[in-house]
């Protein structure tokens, strides 16, 4: 994130301040563990202090913290189609 004014926008909470891109320390919980991520991109209001986090960065962090990250996935098996009754004429049985 760069510091130019093109990334700034008005705050949706206080409607008085401007949201500025900054790097902050992000806190989250993973089970009973507190996870901190330094230099995390965010937008901060210069009046009320509201924080909004970059969606792409949150998605990346969620992927990294996923307990299944890095584990191979199993290919889903295709189930064979159900047998359907045949339609049409059947061959008559011959008496012997």
PDB file of N, CA and C in Angstrom:
ATOM      1  N   UNK A   1       0.849  -1.164   0.000  1.00  0.00           N
ATOM      2  CA  UNK A   1       0.000   0.000   0.000  1.00  0.00           C
ATOM      3  C   UNK A   1       0.895   1.227   0.000  1.00  0.00           C
ATOM      4  N   UNK A   2       0.600   2.161  -0.813  1.00  0.00           N
ATOM      5  CA  UNK A   2       1.389   3.376  -0.790  1.00  0.00           C
ATOM      6  C   UNK A   2       0.600   4.484  -0.101  1.00  0.00           C
ATOM      7  N   UNK A   3       1.267   5.573   0.166  1.00  0.00           N
ATOM      8  CA  UNK A   3       0.683   6.634   0.980  1.00  0.00           C
ATOM      9  C   UNK A   3       0.043   7.747   0.144  1.00  0.00           C
ATOM     10  N   UNK A   4      -0.187   7.550  -1.142  1.00  0.00           N
ATOM     11  CA  UNK A   4      -0.736   8.645  -1.940  1.00  0.00           C
ATOM     12  C   UNK A   4      -2.228   8.835  -1.697  1.00  0.00           C
ATOM     13  N   UNK A   5      -2.746   9.995  -2.106  1.00  0.00           N
ATOM     14  CA  UNK A   5      -4.141  10.338  -1.811  1.00  0.00           C
ATOM     15  C   UNK A   5      -5.139   9.559  -2.652  1.00  0.00           C
ATOM     16  N   UNK A   6      -4.690   8.863  -3.678  1.00  0.00           N
ATOM     17  CA  UNK A   6      -5.613   8.082  -4.499  1.00  0.00           C
ATOM     18  C   UNK A   6      -6.214   6.930  -3.703  1.00  0.00           C
ATOM     19  N   UNK A   7      -5.529   6.466  -2.651  1.00  0.00           N
ATOM     20  CA  UNK A   7      -6.021   5.358  -1.831  1.00  0.00           C
ATOM     21  C   UNK A   7      -6.886   5.835  -0.672  1.00  0.00           C
ATOM     22  N   UNK A   8      -7.015   7.124  -0.464  1.00  0.00           N
ATOM     23  CA  UNK A   8      -7.785   7.656   0.655  1.00  0.00           C
ATOM     24  C   UNK A   8      -9.244   7.819   0.257  1.00  0.00           C
ATOM     25  N   UNK A   9     -10.140   7.585   1.226  1.00  0.00           N
ATOM     26  CA  UNK A   9     -11.569   7.764   0.982  1.00  0.00           C
ATOM     27  C   UNK A   9     -12.235   8.153   2.293  1.00  0.00           C
ATOM     28  N   UNK A  10     -13.458   8.659   2.229  1.00  0.00           N
ATOM     29  CA  UNK A  10     -14.124   9.141   3.440  1.00  0.00           C
ATOM     30  C   UNK A  10     -14.567   7.971   4.310  1.00  0.00           C
ATOM     31  N   UNK A  11     -14.589   8.232   5.604  1.00  0.00           N
ATOM     32  CA  UNK A  11     -14.941   7.210   6.600  1.00  0.00           C
ATOM     33  C   UNK A  11     -16.451   6.985   6.597  1.00  0.00           C
ATOM     34  N   UNK A  12     -16.847   5.727   6.539  1.00  0.00           N
ATOM     35  CA  UNK A  12     -18.276   5.374   6.551  1.00  0.00           C
ATOM     36  C   UNK A  12     -18.873   5.407   7.953  1.00  0.00           C
ATOM     37  N   UNK A  13     -18.036   5.505   8.996  1.00  0.00           N
ATOM     38  CA  UNK A  13     -18.548   5.510  10.358  1.00  0.00           C
ATOM     39  C   UNK A  13     -18.806   6.929  10.861  1.00  0.00           C
ATOM     40  N   UNK A  14     -17.796   7.783  10.803  1.00  0.00           N
ATOM     41  CA  UNK A  14     -17.971   9.137  11.355  1.00  0.00           C
ATOM     42  C   UNK A  14     -18.312  10.167  10.280  1.00  0.00           C
ATOM     43  N   UNK A  15     -18.093   9.861   9.034  1.00  0.00           N
ATOM     44  CA  UNK A  15     -18.377  10.738   7.892  1.00  0.00           C
ATOM     45  C   UNK A  15     -17.622  12.061   7.939  1.00  0.00           C
ATOM     46  N   UNK A  16     -16.684  12.197   8.874  1.00  0.00           N
ATOM     47  CA  UNK A  16     -15.917  13.437   8.975  1.00  0.00           C
ATOM     48  C   UNK A  16     -14.457  13.217   8.572  1.00  0.00           C
ATOM     49  N   UNK A  17     -13.967  12.024   8.817  1.00  0.00           N
ATOM     50  CA  UNK A  17     -12.561  11.747   8.580  1.00  0.00           C
ATOM     51  C   UNK A  17     -12.301  11.091   7.240  1.00  0.00           C
ATOM     52  N   UNK A  18     -11.031  10.934   6.968  1.00  0.00           N
ATOM     53  CA  UNK A  18     -10.580  10.255   5.756  1.00  0.00           C
ATOM     54  C   UNK A  18      -9.853   8.980   6.149  1.00  0.00           C
ATOM     55  N   UNK A  19     -10.081   7.925   5.384  1.00  0.00           N
ATOM     56  CA  UNK A  19      -9.395   6.647   5.598  1.00  0.00           C
ATOM     57  C   UNK A  19      -8.065   6.706   4.860  1.00  0.00           C
ATOM     58  N   UNK A  20      -6.983   6.439   5.581  1.00  0.00           N
ATOM     59  CA  UNK A  20      -5.637   6.480   5.018  1.00  0.00           C
ATOM     60  C   UNK A  20      -5.020   5.092   5.115  1.00  0.00           C
ATOM     61  N   UNK A  21      -4.305   4.701   4.087  1.00  0.00           N
ATOM     62  CA  UNK A  21      -3.656   3.385   4.109  1.00  0.00           C
ATOM     63  C   UNK A  21      -2.441   3.440   5.025  1.00  0.00           C
ATOM     64  N   UNK A  22      -2.335   2.428   5.881  1.00  0.00           N
ATOM     65  CA  UNK A  22      -1.244   2.314   6.852  1.00  0.00           C
ATOM     66  C   UNK A  22      -0.922   0.834   7.030  1.00  0.00           C
ATOM     67  N   UNK A  23       0.176   0.583   7.678  1.00  0.00           N
ATOM     68  CA  UNK A  23       0.526  -0.777   8.078  1.00  0.00           C
ATOM     69  C   UNK A  23       0.408  -0.850   9.590  1.00  0.00           C
ATOM     70  N   UNK A  24      -0.330  -1.838  10.086  1.00  0.00           N
ATOM     71  CA  UNK A  24      -0.615  -1.972  11.515  1.00  0.00           C
ATOM     72  C   UNK A  24      -0.297  -3.393  11.958  1.00  0.00           C
ATOM     73  N   UNK A  25      -0.384  -3.619  13.268  1.00  0.00           N
ATOM     74  CA  UNK A  25      -0.287  -4.980  13.792  1.00  0.00           C
ATOM     75  C   UNK A  25      -1.697  -5.527  13.880  1.00  0.00           C
ATOM     76  N   UNK A  26      -1.932  -6.661  13.215  1.00  0.00           N
ATOM     77  CA  UNK A  26      -3.259  -7.287  13.161  1.00  0.00           C
ATOM     78  C   UNK A  26      -3.305  -8.407  14.192  1.00  0.00           C
ATOM     79  N   UNK A  27      -4.375  -8.458  14.973  1.00  0.00           N
ATOM     80  CA  UNK A  27      -4.573  -9.486  15.991  1.00  0.00           C
ATOM     81  C   UNK A  27      -5.762 -10.351  15.611  1.00  0.00           C
ATOM     82  N   UNK A  28      -5.614 -11.656  15.799  1.00  0.00           N
ATOM     83  CA  UNK A  28      -6.732 -12.575  15.595  1.00  0.00           C
ATOM     84  C   UNK A  28      -6.513 -13.789  16.484  1.00  0.00           C
ATOM     85  N   UNK A  29      -7.540 -14.588  16.655  1.00  0.00           N
ATOM     86  CA  UNK A  29      -7.442 -15.812  17.460  1.00  0.00           C
ATOM     87  C   UNK A  29      -7.547 -17.019  16.551  1.00  0.00           C
ATOM     88  N   UNK A  30      -6.759 -18.030  16.884  1.00  0.00           N
ATOM     89  CA  UNK A  30      -6.823 -19.321  16.213  1.00  0.00           C
ATOM     90  C   UNK A  30      -6.954 -20.347  17.318  1.00  0.00           C
ATOM     91  N   UNK A  31      -8.190 -20.770  17.566  1.00  0.00           N
ATOM     92  CA  UNK A  31      -8.442 -21.648  18.719  1.00  0.00           C
ATOM     93  C   UNK A  31      -8.185 -20.865  19.987  1.00  0.00           C
ATOM     94  N   UNK A  32      -7.289 -21.364  20.842  1.00  0.00           N
ATOM     95  CA  UNK A  32      -6.938 -20.678  22.083  1.00  0.00           C
ATOM     96  C   UNK A  32      -5.700 -19.802  21.934  1.00  0.00           C
ATOM     97  N   UNK A  33      -5.146 -19.727  20.737  1.00  0.00           N
ATOM     98  CA  UNK A  33      -3.907 -18.977  20.497  1.00  0.00           C
ATOM     99  C   UNK A  33      -4.210 -17.576  19.965  1.00  0.00           C
ATOM    100  N   UNK A  34      -3.445 -16.589  20.439  1.00  0.00           N
ATOM    101  CA  UNK A  34      -3.518 -15.237  19.918  1.00  0.00           C
ATOM    102  C   UNK A  34      -2.455 -15.102  18.841  1.00  0.00           C
ATOM    103  N   UNK A  35      -2.867 -14.734  17.643  1.00  0.00           N
ATOM    104  CA  UNK A  35      -1.963 -14.580  16.512  1.00  0.00           C
ATOM    105  C   UNK A  35      -1.796 -13.088  16.243  1.00  0.00           C
ATOM    106  N   UNK A  36      -0.563 -12.623  16.108  1.00  0.00           N
ATOM    107  CA  UNK A  36      -0.303 -11.240  15.738  1.00  0.00           C
ATOM    108  C   UNK A  36       0.484 -11.227  14.435  1.00  0.00           C
ATOM    109  N   UNK A  37       0.114 -10.311  13.560  1.00  0.00           N
ATOM    110  CA  UNK A  37       0.786 -10.154  12.273  1.00  0.00           C
ATOM    111  C   UNK A  37       1.216  -8.699  12.165  1.00  0.00           C
ATOM    112  N   UNK A  38       2.521  -8.464  12.119  1.00  0.00           N
ATOM    113  CA  UNK A  38       3.031  -7.102  11.998  1.00  0.00           C
ATOM    114  C   UNK A  38       2.995  -6.656  10.542  1.00  0.00           C
ATOM    115  N   UNK A  39       2.966  -5.351  10.340  1.00  0.00           N
ATOM    116  CA  UNK A  39       2.992  -4.740   9.004  1.00  0.00           C
ATOM    117  C   UNK A  39       1.852  -5.223   8.116  1.00  0.00           C
ATOM    118  N   UNK A  40       0.657  -5.290   8.683  1.00  0.00           N
ATOM    119  CA  UNK A  40      -0.522  -5.746   7.957  1.00  0.00           C
ATOM    120  C   UNK A  40      -1.226  -4.533   7.352  1.00  0.00           C
ATOM    121  N   UNK A  41      -1.591  -4.580   6.058  1.00  0.00           N
ATOM    122  CA  UNK A  41      -2.213  -3.420   5.417  1.00  0.00           C
ATOM    123  C   UNK A  41      -3.626  -3.150   5.948  1.00  0.00           C
ATOM    124  N   UNK A  42      -3.892  -1.875   6.236  1.00  0.00           N
ATOM    125  CA  UNK A  42      -5.210  -1.467   6.747  1.00  0.00           C
ATOM    126  C   UNK A  42      -5.470  -0.033   6.314  1.00  0.00           C
ATOM    127  N   UNK A  43      -6.734   0.376   6.444  1.00  0.00           N
ATOM    128  CA  UNK A  43      -7.127   1.764   6.248  1.00  0.00           C
ATOM    129  C   UNK A  43      -7.603   2.271   7.601  1.00  0.00           C
ATOM    130  N   UNK A  44      -7.086   3.423   8.044  1.00  0.00           N
ATOM    131  CA  UNK A  44      -7.390   3.980   9.362  1.00  0.00           C
ATOM    132  C   UNK A  44      -7.989   5.376   9.174  1.00  0.00           C
ATOM    133  N   UNK A  45      -9.105   5.622   9.884  1.00  0.00           N
ATOM    134  CA  UNK A  45      -9.726   6.947   9.836  1.00  0.00           C
ATOM    135  C   UNK A  45      -8.904   7.915  10.687  1.00  0.00           C
ATOM    136  N   UNK A  46      -8.618   9.099  10.144  1.00  0.00           N
ATOM    137  CA  UNK A  46      -7.812  10.078  10.868  1.00  0.00           C
ATOM    138  C   UNK A  46      -8.609  10.825  11.947  1.00  0.00           C
ATOM    139  N   UNK A  47      -9.935  10.617  12.011  1.00  0.00           N
ATOM    140  CA  UNK A  47     -10.741  11.278  13.035  1.00  0.00           C
ATOM    141  C   UNK A  47     -11.183  10.283  14.113  1.00  0.00           C
ATOM    142  N   UNK A  48     -11.892   9.224  13.738  1.00  0.00           N
ATOM    143  CA  UNK A  48     -12.457   8.309  14.737  1.00  0.00           C
ATOM    144  C   UNK A  48     -11.601   7.057  14.977  1.00  0.00           C
ATOM    145  N   UNK A  49     -10.620   6.794  14.126  1.00  0.00           N
ATOM    146  CA  UNK A  49      -9.729   5.654  14.330  1.00  0.00           C
ATOM    147  C   UNK A  49     -10.257   4.333  13.791  1.00  0.00           C
ATOM    148  N   UNK A  50     -11.385   4.355  13.109  1.00  0.00           N
ATOM    149  CA  UNK A  50     -11.935   3.110  12.543  1.00  0.00           C
ATOM    150  C   UNK A  50     -10.888   2.434  11.665  1.00  0.00           C
ATOM    151  N   UNK A  51     -10.833   1.093  11.747  1.00  0.00           N
ATOM    152  CA  UNK A  51      -9.906   0.313  10.929  1.00  0.00           C
ATOM    153  C   UNK A  51     -10.682  -0.554   9.956  1.00  0.00           C
ATOM    154  N   UNK A  52     -10.236  -0.567   8.743  1.00  0.00           N
ATOM    155  CA  UNK A  52     -10.749  -1.494   7.734  1.00  0.00           C
ATOM    156  C   UNK A  52      -9.537  -2.192   7.143  1.00  0.00           C
ATOM    157  N   UNK A  53      -9.673  -3.506   6.993  1.00  0.00           N
ATOM    158  CA  UNK A  53      -8.538  -4.297   6.520  1.00  0.00           C
ATOM    159  C   UNK A  53      -8.709  -4.657   5.054  1.00  0.00           C
ATOM    160  N   UNK A  54      -7.592  -4.754   4.379  1.00  0.00           N
ATOM    161  CA  UNK A  54      -7.553  -5.111   2.976  1.00  0.00           C
ATOM    162  C   UNK A  54      -8.101  -6.531   2.794  1.00  0.00           C
ATOM    163  N   UNK A  55      -9.144  -6.684   1.960  1.00  0.00           N
ATOM    164  CA  UNK A  55      -9.807  -7.984   1.791  1.00  0.00           C
ATOM    165  C   UNK A  55      -8.865  -9.056   1.256  1.00  0.00           C
ATOM    166  N   UNK A  56      -8.031  -8.706   0.308  1.00  0.00           N
ATOM    167  CA  UNK A  56      -7.102  -9.683  -0.265  1.00  0.00           C
ATOM    168  C   UNK A  56      -6.108 -10.168   0.797  1.00  0.00           C
ATOM    169  N   UNK A  57      -5.660  -9.266   1.653  1.00  0.00           N
ATOM    170  CA  UNK A  57      -4.721  -9.643   2.714  1.00  0.00           C
ATOM    171  C   UNK A  57      -5.398 -10.532   3.754  1.00  0.00           C
ATOM    172  N   UNK A  58      -6.651 -10.233   4.085  1.00  0.00           N
ATOM    173  CA  UNK A  58      -7.403 -11.077   5.026  1.00  0.00           C
ATOM    174  C   UNK A  58      -7.580 -12.472   4.435  1.00  0.00           C
ATOM    175  N   UNK A  59      -7.906 -12.557   3.158  1.00  0.00           N
ATOM    176  CA  UNK A  59      -8.071 -13.856   2.501  1.00  0.00           C
ATOM    177  C   UNK A  59      -6.750 -14.637   2.531  1.00  0.00           C
ATOM    178  N   UNK A  60      -5.650 -13.963   2.245  1.00  0.00           N
ATOM    179  CA  UNK A  60      -4.335 -14.597   2.273  1.00  0.00           C
ATOM    180  C   UNK A  60      -4.028 -15.117   3.671  1.00  0.00           C
ATOM    181  N   UNK A  61      -4.310 -14.303   4.702  1.00  0.00           N
ATOM    182  CA  UNK A  61      -4.047 -14.709   6.079  1.00  0.00           C
ATOM    183  C   UNK A  61      -4.921 -15.895   6.473  1.00  0.00           C
ATOM    184  N   UNK A  62      -6.200 -15.875   6.100  1.00  0.00           N
ATOM    185  CA  UNK A  62      -7.089 -17.003   6.391  1.00  0.00           C
ATOM    186  C   UNK A  62      -6.571 -18.286   5.747  1.00  0.00           C
ATOM    187  N   UNK A  63      -6.062 -18.170   4.533  1.00  0.00           N
ATOM    188  CA  UNK A  63      -5.509 -19.342   3.844  1.00  0.00           C
ATOM    189  C   UNK A  63      -4.286 -19.862   4.584  1.00  0.00           C
ATOM    190  N   UNK A  64      -3.425 -18.962   5.026  1.00  0.00           N
ATOM    191  CA  UNK A  64      -2.204 -19.358   5.734  1.00  0.00           C
ATOM    192  C   UNK A  64      -2.514 -19.992   7.091  1.00  0.00           C
ATOM    193  N   UNK A  65      -3.561 -19.521   7.766  1.00  0.00           N
ATOM    194  CA  UNK A  65      -3.901 -20.027   9.094  1.00  0.00           C
ATOM    195  C   UNK A  65      -4.834 -21.228   9.051  1.00  0.00           C
ATOM    196  N   UNK A  66      -5.277 -21.625   7.870  1.00  0.00           N
ATOM    197  CA  UNK A  66      -6.167 -22.775   7.728  1.00  0.00           C
ATOM    198  C   UNK A  66      -5.432 -24.031   8.198  1.00  0.00           C
ATOM    199  N   UNK A  67      -6.025 -24.798   9.135  1.00  0.00           N
ATOM    200  CA  UNK A  67      -5.348 -25.995   9.630  1.00  0.00           C
ATOM    201  C   UNK A  67      -5.081 -27.030   8.532  1.00  0.00           C
ATOM    202  N   UNK A  68      -5.795 -26.963   7.439  1.00  0.00           N
ATOM    203  CA  UNK A  68      -5.588 -27.917   6.350  1.00  0.00           C
ATOM    204  C   UNK A  68      -4.646 -27.393   5.275  1.00  0.00           C
ATOM    205  N   UNK A  69      -4.077 -26.212   5.476  1.00  0.00           N
ATOM    206  CA  UNK A  69      -3.177 -25.630   4.478  1.00  0.00           C
ATOM    207  C   UNK A  69      -1.964 -26.541   4.291  1.00  0.00           C
ATOM    208  N   UNK A  70      -1.637 -26.800   3.056  1.00  0.00           N
ATOM    209  CA  UNK A  70      -0.469 -27.611   2.744  1.00  0.00           C
ATOM    210  C   UNK A  70      -0.721 -29.097   2.719  1.00  0.00           C
ATOM    211  N   UNK A  71      -1.880 -29.526   3.190  1.00  0.00           N
ATOM    212  CA  UNK A  71      -2.196 -30.953   3.167  1.00  0.00           C
ATOM    213  C   UNK A  71      -2.752 -31.310   1.793  1.00  0.00           C
ATOM    214  N   UNK A  72      -2.383 -32.478   1.282  1.00  0.00           N
ATOM    215  CA  UNK A  72      -2.937 -32.870  -0.016  1.00  0.00           C
ATOM    216  C   UNK A  72      -4.437 -33.108   0.095  1.00  0.00           C
ATOM    217  N   UNK A  73      -5.132 -32.761  -0.946  1.00  0.00           N
ATOM    218  CA  UNK A  73      -6.574 -33.004  -0.971  1.00  0.00           C
ATOM    219  C   UNK A  73      -6.838 -34.295  -1.713  1.00  0.00           C
ATOM    220  N   UNK A  74      -7.847 -35.005  -1.289  1.00  0.00           N
ATOM    221  CA  UNK A  74      -8.214 -36.244  -1.957  1.00  0.00           C
ATOM    222  C   UNK A  74      -9.157 -35.925  -3.103  1.00  0.00           C
ATOM    223  N   UNK A  75      -8.899 -36.601  -4.220  1.00  0.00           N
ATOM    224  CA  UNK A  75      -9.791 -36.415  -5.371  1.00  0.00           C
ATOM    225  C   UNK A  75     -11.131 -37.052  -5.050  1.00  0.00           C
ATOM    226  N   UNK A  76     -12.182 -36.367  -5.407  1.00  0.00           N
ATOM    227  CA  UNK A  76     -13.517 -36.911  -5.167  1.00  0.00           C
ATOM    228  C   UNK A  76     -13.793 -37.999  -6.184  1.00  0.00           C
ATOM    229  N   UNK A  77     -14.331 -39.104  -5.696  1.00  0.00           N
ATOM    230  CA  UNK A  77     -14.665 -40.212  -6.588  1.00  0.00           C
ATOM    231  C   UNK A  77     -15.984 -39.946  -7.270  1.00  0.00           C
ATOM    232  N   UNK A  78     -16.019 -40.283  -8.518  1.00  0.00           N
ATOM    233  CA  UNK A  78     -17.289 -40.185  -9.236  1.00  0.00           C
ATOM    234  C   UNK A  78     -18.079 -41.448  -8.966  1.00  0.00           C
ATOM    235  N   UNK A  79     -19.318 -41.294  -8.659  1.00  0.00           N
ATOM    236  CA  UNK A  79     -20.161 -42.462  -8.446  1.00  0.00           C
ATOM    237  C   UNK A  79     -20.732 -42.888  -9.786  1.00  0.00           C
ATOM    238  N   UNK A  80     -20.821 -44.203 -10.011  1.00  0.00           N
ATOM    239  CA  UNK A  80     -21.378 -44.650 -11.288  1.00  0.00           C
ATOM    240  C   UNK A  80     -22.850 -44.263 -11.371  1.00  0.00           C
ATOM    241  N   UNK A  81     -23.346 -44.053 -12.564  1.00  0.00           N
ATOM    242  CA  UNK A  81     -24.760 -43.695 -12.694  1.00  0.00           C
ATOM    243  C   UNK A  81     -25.641 -44.849 -12.236  1.00  0.00           C
ATOM    244  N   UNK A  82     -26.787 -44.509 -11.717  1.00  0.00           N
ATOM    245  CA  UNK A  82     -27.738 -45.530 -11.274  1.00  0.00           C
ATOM    246  C   UNK A  82     -28.270 -46.283 -12.483  1.00  0.00           C
ATOM    247  N   UNK A  83     -28.460 -47.606 -12.306  1.00  0.00           N
ATOM    248  CA  UNK A  83     -29.009 -48.375 -13.423  1.00  0.00           C
ATOM    249  C   UNK A  83     -30.479 -48.014 -13.577  1.00  0.00           C
ATOM    250  N   UNK A  84     -30.862 -47.815 -14.813  1.00  0.00           N
ATOM    251  CA  UNK A  84     -32.243 -47.438 -15.095  1.00  0.00           C
ATOM    252  C   UNK A  84     -32.917 -48.618 -15.785  1.00  0.00           C
ATOM    253  N   UNK A  85     -34.194 -48.793 -15.560  1.00  0.00           N
ATOM    254  CA  UNK A  85     -34.892 -49.870 -16.269  1.00  0.00           C
ATOM    255  C   UNK A  85     -34.887 -49.580 -17.771  1.00  0.00           C
ATOM    256  N   UNK A  86     -34.738 -50.647 -18.525  1.00  0.00           N
ATOM    257  CA  UNK A  86     -34.731 -50.495 -19.979  1.00  0.00           C
ATOM    258  C   UNK A  86     -36.153 -50.324 -20.479  1.00  0.00           C
ATOM    259  N   UNK A  87     -36.266 -49.482 -21.423  1.00  0.00           N
ATOM    260  CA  UNK A  87     -37.590 -49.288 -22.002  1.00  0.00           C
ATOM    261  C   UNK A  87     -37.619 -49.946 -23.365  1.00  0.00           C
ATOM    262  N   UNK A  88     -38.789 -50.139 -23.876  1.00  0.00           N
ATOM    263  CA  UNK A  88     -38.928 -50.754 -25.190  1.00  0.00           C
ATOM    264  C   UNK A  88     -39.451 -52.181 -25.055  1.00  0.00           C
ATOM    265  N   UNK A  89     -39.353 -52.921 -26.134  1.00  0.00           N
ATOM    266  CA  UNK A  89     -39.872 -54.277 -26.164  1.00  0.00           C
ATOM    267  C   UNK A  89     -38.827 -55.233 -25.656  1.00  0.00           C
ATOM    268  N   UNK A  90     -39.281 -56.213 -24.934  1.00  0.00           N
ATOM    269  CA  UNK A  90     -38.359 -57.259 -24.504  1.00  0.00           C
ATOM    270  C   UNK A  90     -38.568 -58.468 -25.414  1.00  0.00           C
ATOM    271  N   UNK A  91     -37.561 -59.296 -25.536  1.00  0.00           N
ATOM    272  CA  UNK A  91     -37.672 -60.481 -26.352  1.00  0.00           C
ATOM    273  C   UNK A  91     -38.568 -61.503 -25.665  1.00  0.00           C
ATOM    274  N   UNK A  92     -39.508 -62.092 -26.389  1.00  0.00           N
ATOM    275  CA  UNK A  92     -40.381 -63.080 -25.764  1.00  0.00           C
ATOM    276  C   UNK A  92     -39.591 -64.341 -25.406  1.00  0.00           C
ATOM    277  N   UNK A  93     -39.942 -64.977 -24.320  1.00  0.00           N
ATOM    278  CA  UNK A  93     -39.283 -66.217 -23.930  1.00  0.00           C
ATOM    279  C   UNK A  93     -39.847 -67.346 -24.743  1.00  0.00           C
ATOM    280  N   UNK A  94     -38.997 -68.234 -25.181  1.00  0.00           N
ATOM    281  CA  UNK A  94     -39.450 -69.381 -25.956  1.00  0.00           C
ATOM    282  C   UNK A  94     -39.606 -70.574 -25.045  1.00  0.00           C
ATOM    283  N   UNK A  95     -40.695 -71.331 -25.265  1.00  0.00           N
ATOM    284  CA  UNK A  95     -40.911 -72.567 -24.513  1.00  0.00           C
ATOM    285  C   UNK A  95     -40.047 -73.657 -25.122  1.00  0.00           C
ATOM    286  N   UNK A  96     -39.471 -74.473 -24.279  1.00  0.00           N
ATOM    287  CA  UNK A  96     -38.672 -75.571 -24.805  1.00  0.00           C
ATOM    288  C   UNK A  96     -39.412 -76.853 -24.693  1.00  0.00           C
TER     289      UNK A  96
END
